[in-house]
Amino acid sequence: MSFTDSVRTCLRKYGTFSGRAQASEYWYFYLALAIVNAVVFAAFLIPALATMDPVTQEPGVLGSIGSTLVGIIALGTFVPLLAAGVRRLHDTGKSGWFYLLCLVPGVGGIIIIVLLALPGEPGPNQFGPDPKAVAQYAAA
């Protein structure tokens, strides 16, 4: 699955927690969000920090705009990223409730990253058909 297809799929399946997602779908969407946040950070927050008032320690207008944009992006992409993560866990044969492991301090995030990076189960499982097989069938 290509980068743009992955991003479109995750945004199109905004709140869809059922089914399965290929690893590329999840990780390309995660990469796209990281790139968008890095661009906003570079465009607004770095200049705001450079021009910050030394007396009041306020970042000014650029910092406010950048912080607002980062907040809007985070709120707008929380549900699709969570849904893609749950579908990714389904692809590995795990329940979406495993995503709650990220709440465990220290090791929870590491466990989730490992689970999300595991290869998907070949063939259909209890959560649906194999997305790789469906993609290969659609391409043919």
C-alpha atoms as a PDB file:
ATOM      1  CA  MET A   1       0.000   0.000   0.000  1.00  0.00           C
ATOM      2  CA  SER A   2       1.410   3.382  -0.968  1.00  0.00           C
ATOM      3  CA  PHE A   3       1.927   6.331   1.336  1.00  0.00           C
ATOM      4  CA  THR A   4      -0.989   8.377   0.002  1.00  0.00           C
ATOM      5  CA  ASP A   5      -3.314   5.358  -0.158  1.00  0.00           C
ATOM      6  CA  SER A   6      -2.539   4.575   3.476  1.00  0.00           C
ATOM      7  CA  VAL A   7      -3.291   8.108   4.630  1.00  0.00           C
ATOM      8  CA  ARG A   8      -6.508   8.244   2.593  1.00  0.00           C
ATOM      9  CA  THR A   9      -7.628   4.859   3.924  1.00  0.00           C
ATOM     10  CA  CYS A  10      -7.042   5.834   7.549  1.00  0.00           C
ATOM     11  CA  LEU A  11      -8.895   9.128   7.119  1.00  0.00           C
ATOM     12  CA  ARG A  12     -11.726   7.456   5.180  1.00  0.00           C
ATOM     13  CA  LYS A  13     -12.098   4.829   7.926  1.00  0.00           C
ATOM     14  CA  TYR A  14     -12.134   7.617  10.538  1.00  0.00           C
ATOM     15  CA  GLY A  15     -13.911   5.752  13.319  1.00  0.00           C
ATOM     16  CA  THR A  16     -13.875   2.195  11.964  1.00  0.00           C
ATOM     17  CA  PHE A  17     -12.511  -0.084  14.662  1.00  0.00           C
ATOM     18  CA  SER A  18     -13.511  -3.333  12.951  1.00  0.00           C
ATOM     19  CA  GLY A  19     -11.530  -5.180  10.324  1.00  0.00           C
ATOM     20  CA  ARG A  20      -7.804  -5.391   9.727  1.00  0.00           C
ATOM     21  CA  ALA A  21      -5.065  -3.002   8.616  1.00  0.00           C
ATOM     22  CA  GLN A  22      -1.741  -3.781   6.981  1.00  0.00           C
ATOM     23  CA  ALA A  23       1.396  -2.627   8.735  1.00  0.00           C
ATOM     24  CA  SER A  24       2.096  -0.162   5.929  1.00  0.00           C
ATOM     25  CA  GLU A  25      -1.338   1.427   6.372  1.00  0.00           C
ATOM     26  CA  TYR A  26      -0.736   2.149  10.052  1.00  0.00           C
ATOM     27  CA  TRP A  27       2.924   3.172   9.870  1.00  0.00           C
ATOM     28  CA  TYR A  28       2.526   5.409   6.804  1.00  0.00           C
ATOM     29  CA  PHE A  29      -0.354   7.202   8.525  1.00  0.00           C
ATOM     30  CA  TYR A  30       1.775   7.590  11.657  1.00  0.00           C
ATOM     31  CA  LEU A  31       4.643   8.944   9.510  1.00  0.00           C
ATOM     32  CA  ALA A  32       2.307  11.426   7.796  1.00  0.00           C
ATOM     33  CA  LEU A  33       1.182  12.756  11.180  1.00  0.00           C
ATOM     34  CA  ALA A  34       4.794  13.049  12.330  1.00  0.00           C
ATOM     35  CA  ILE A  35       5.697  14.998   9.178  1.00  0.00           C
ATOM     36  CA  VAL A  36       2.728  17.367   9.567  1.00  0.00           C
ATOM     37  CA  ASN A  37       3.598  18.009  13.213  1.00  0.00           C
ATOM     38  CA  ALA A  38       7.269  18.584  12.339  1.00  0.00           C
ATOM     39  CA  VAL A  39       6.314  21.115   9.657  1.00  0.00           C
ATOM     40  CA  VAL A  40       4.025  22.989  12.053  1.00  0.00           C
ATOM     41  CA  PHE A  41       6.724  22.905  14.718  1.00  0.00           C
ATOM     42  CA  ALA A  42       9.365  24.218  12.315  1.00  0.00           C
ATOM     43  CA  ALA A  43       7.114  26.860  10.784  1.00  0.00           C
ATOM     44  CA  PHE A  44       5.603  28.296  13.957  1.00  0.00           C
ATOM     45  CA  LEU A  45       7.060  27.086  17.211  1.00  0.00           C
ATOM     46  CA  ILE A  46      10.797  27.354  16.483  1.00  0.00           C
ATOM     47  CA  PRO A  47      10.496  30.994  15.288  1.00  0.00           C
ATOM     48  CA  ALA A  48       8.240  31.715  18.268  1.00  0.00           C
ATOM     49  CA  LEU A  49      10.873  30.401  20.654  1.00  0.00           C
ATOM     50  CA  ALA A  50      13.553  32.451  18.895  1.00  0.00           C
ATOM     51  CA  THR A  51      11.532  35.659  19.231  1.00  0.00           C
ATOM     52  CA  MET A  52      10.164  34.977  22.714  1.00  0.00           C
ATOM     53  CA  ASP A  53       9.988  37.954  25.057  1.00  0.00           C
ATOM     54  CA  PRO A  54      12.827  37.402  27.570  1.00  0.00           C
ATOM     55  CA  VAL A  55      10.994  39.207  30.378  1.00  0.00           C
ATOM     56  CA  THR A  56       7.523  37.646  30.207  1.00  0.00           C
ATOM     57  CA  GLN A  57       8.603  34.341  28.612  1.00  0.00           C
ATOM     58  CA  GLU A  58       5.546  34.500  26.314  1.00  0.00           C
ATOM     59  CA  PRO A  59       6.011  33.010  22.834  1.00  0.00           C
ATOM     60  CA  GLY A  60       3.830  35.625  21.136  1.00  0.00           C
ATOM     61  CA  VAL A  61       1.441  35.260  18.232  1.00  0.00           C
ATOM     62  CA  LEU A  62       3.474  32.653  16.321  1.00  0.00           C
ATOM     63  CA  GLY A  63       3.640  30.408  19.364  1.00  0.00           C
ATOM     64  CA  SER A  64      -0.089  30.714  19.937  1.00  0.00           C
ATOM     65  CA  ILE A  65      -0.873  29.887  16.313  1.00  0.00           C
ATOM     66  CA  GLY A  66       1.535  26.929  16.328  1.00  0.00           C
ATOM     67  CA  SER A  67       0.218  25.549  19.606  1.00  0.00           C
ATOM     68  CA  THR A  68      -3.363  25.891  18.372  1.00  0.00           C
ATOM     69  CA  LEU A  69      -2.542  24.101  15.109  1.00  0.00           C
ATOM     70  CA  VAL A  70      -0.783  21.257  16.920  1.00  0.00           C
ATOM     71  CA  GLY A  71      -3.818  20.916  19.215  1.00  0.00           C
ATOM     72  CA  ILE A  72      -6.263  20.873  16.308  1.00  0.00           C
ATOM     73  CA  ILE A  73      -4.170  18.269  14.476  1.00  0.00           C
ATOM     74  CA  ALA A  74      -3.976  16.114  17.616  1.00  0.00           C
ATOM     75  CA  LEU A  75      -7.723  16.309  18.240  1.00  0.00           C
ATOM     76  CA  GLY A  76      -8.574  15.681  14.584  1.00  0.00           C
ATOM     77  CA  THR A  77      -6.321  12.669  14.192  1.00  0.00           C
ATOM     78  CA  PHE A  78      -6.697  10.975  17.578  1.00  0.00           C
ATOM     79  CA  VAL A  79      -9.661   8.806  16.559  1.00  0.00           C
ATOM     80  CA  PRO A  80      -8.320   7.701  13.141  1.00  0.00           C
ATOM     81  CA  LEU A  81      -4.904   6.866  14.629  1.00  0.00           C
ATOM     82  CA  LEU A  82      -6.537   4.898  17.437  1.00  0.00           C
ATOM     83  CA  ALA A  83      -8.838   3.109  14.967  1.00  0.00           C
ATOM     84  CA  ALA A  84      -5.912   2.257  12.672  1.00  0.00           C
ATOM     85  CA  GLY A  85      -3.988   0.914  15.674  1.00  0.00           C
ATOM     86  CA  VAL A  86      -6.899  -1.291  16.696  1.00  0.00           C
ATOM     87  CA  ARG A  87      -7.274  -2.591  13.127  1.00  0.00           C
ATOM     88  CA  ARG A  88      -3.509  -3.227  13.066  1.00  0.00           C
ATOM     89  CA  LEU A  89      -3.789  -5.259  16.275  1.00  0.00           C
ATOM     90  CA  HIS A  90      -6.654  -7.190  14.670  1.00  0.00           C
ATOM     91  CA  ASP A  91      -4.350  -8.018  11.756  1.00  0.00           C
ATOM     92  CA  THR A  92      -1.902  -9.628  14.199  1.00  0.00           C
ATOM     93  CA  GLY A  93      -4.739 -11.637  15.757  1.00  0.00           C
ATOM     94  CA  LYS A  94      -4.968  -9.549  18.942  1.00  0.00           C
ATOM     95  CA  SER A  95      -7.991  -7.809  20.396  1.00  0.00           C
ATOM     96  CA  GLY A  96      -8.131  -4.037  20.123  1.00  0.00           C
ATOM     97  CA  TRP A  97      -8.273  -3.910  23.914  1.00  0.00           C
ATOM     98  CA  PHE A  98      -4.538  -4.672  23.886  1.00  0.00           C
ATOM     99  CA  TYR A  99      -4.113  -1.007  22.921  1.00  0.00           C
ATOM    100  CA  LEU A 100      -4.812  -0.182  26.574  1.00  0.00           C
ATOM    101  CA  LEU A 101      -1.384  -1.607  27.384  1.00  0.00           C
ATOM    102  CA  CYS A 102       0.038   1.760  26.377  1.00  0.00           C
ATOM    103  CA  LEU A 103      -1.384   3.066  29.668  1.00  0.00           C
ATOM    104  CA  VAL A 104       1.068   0.887  31.607  1.00  0.00           C
ATOM    105  CA  PRO A 105       3.950   3.174  32.610  1.00  0.00           C
ATOM    106  CA  GLY A 106       7.351   2.328  31.186  1.00  0.00           C
ATOM    107  CA  VAL A 107       6.859  -0.924  29.308  1.00  0.00           C
ATOM    108  CA  GLY A 108       3.319  -0.474  27.962  1.00  0.00           C
ATOM    109  CA  GLY A 109       4.330   1.724  25.038  1.00  0.00           C
ATOM    110  CA  ILE A 110       7.155  -0.625  24.111  1.00  0.00           C
ATOM    111  CA  ILE A 111       4.825  -3.631  24.143  1.00  0.00           C
ATOM    112  CA  ILE A 112       2.329  -1.822  21.889  1.00  0.00           C
ATOM    113  CA  ILE A 113       5.052  -0.828  19.408  1.00  0.00           C
ATOM    114  CA  VAL A 114       6.201  -4.448  19.233  1.00  0.00           C
ATOM    115  CA  LEU A 115       2.624  -5.705  18.746  1.00  0.00           C
ATOM    116  CA  LEU A 116       1.960  -3.127  16.027  1.00  0.00           C
ATOM    117  CA  ALA A 117       5.192  -4.091  14.249  1.00  0.00           C
ATOM    118  CA  LEU A 118       4.440  -7.826  14.194  1.00  0.00           C
ATOM    119  CA  PRO A 119       3.536  -9.298  10.806  1.00  0.00           C
ATOM    120  CA  GLY A 120      -0.144  -9.901  10.197  1.00  0.00           C
ATOM    121  CA  GLU A 121      -1.676 -13.359  10.318  1.00  0.00           C
ATOM    122  CA  PRO A 122      -1.814 -14.878   6.837  1.00  0.00           C
ATOM    123  CA  GLY A 123      -5.302 -15.679   5.643  1.00  0.00           C
ATOM    124  CA  PRO A 124      -8.557 -14.706   7.288  1.00  0.00           C
ATOM    125  CA  ASN A 125      -8.854 -14.535  11.068  1.00  0.00           C
ATOM    126  CA  GLN A 126     -11.706 -13.735  13.461  1.00  0.00           C
ATOM    127  CA  PHE A 127     -11.465 -10.025  12.568  1.00  0.00           C
ATOM    128  CA  GLY A 128     -11.798 -10.374   8.800  1.00  0.00           C
ATOM    129  CA  PRO A 129      -9.992 -11.300   5.597  1.00  0.00           C
ATOM    130  CA  ASP A 130      -6.258 -10.818   5.133  1.00  0.00           C
ATOM    131  CA  PRO A 131      -5.774  -7.218   3.861  1.00  0.00           C
ATOM    132  CA  LYS A 132      -2.678  -8.235   1.864  1.00  0.00           C
ATOM    133  CA  ALA A 133      -4.635 -10.915   0.024  1.00  0.00           C
ATOM    134  CA  VAL A 134      -7.482  -8.466  -0.649  1.00  0.00           C
ATOM    135  CA  ALA A 135      -5.003  -5.863  -1.971  1.00  0.00           C
ATOM    136  CA  GLN A 136      -3.281  -8.436  -4.216  1.00  0.00           C
ATOM    137  CA  TYR A 137      -6.654  -9.628  -5.520  1.00  0.00           C
ATOM    138  CA  ALA A 138      -7.753  -6.050  -6.235  1.00  0.00           C
ATOM    139  CA  ALA A 139      -4.477  -5.295  -8.063  1.00  0.00           C
ATOM    140  CA  ALA A 140      -4.842  -8.313 -10.340  1.00  0.00           C
END
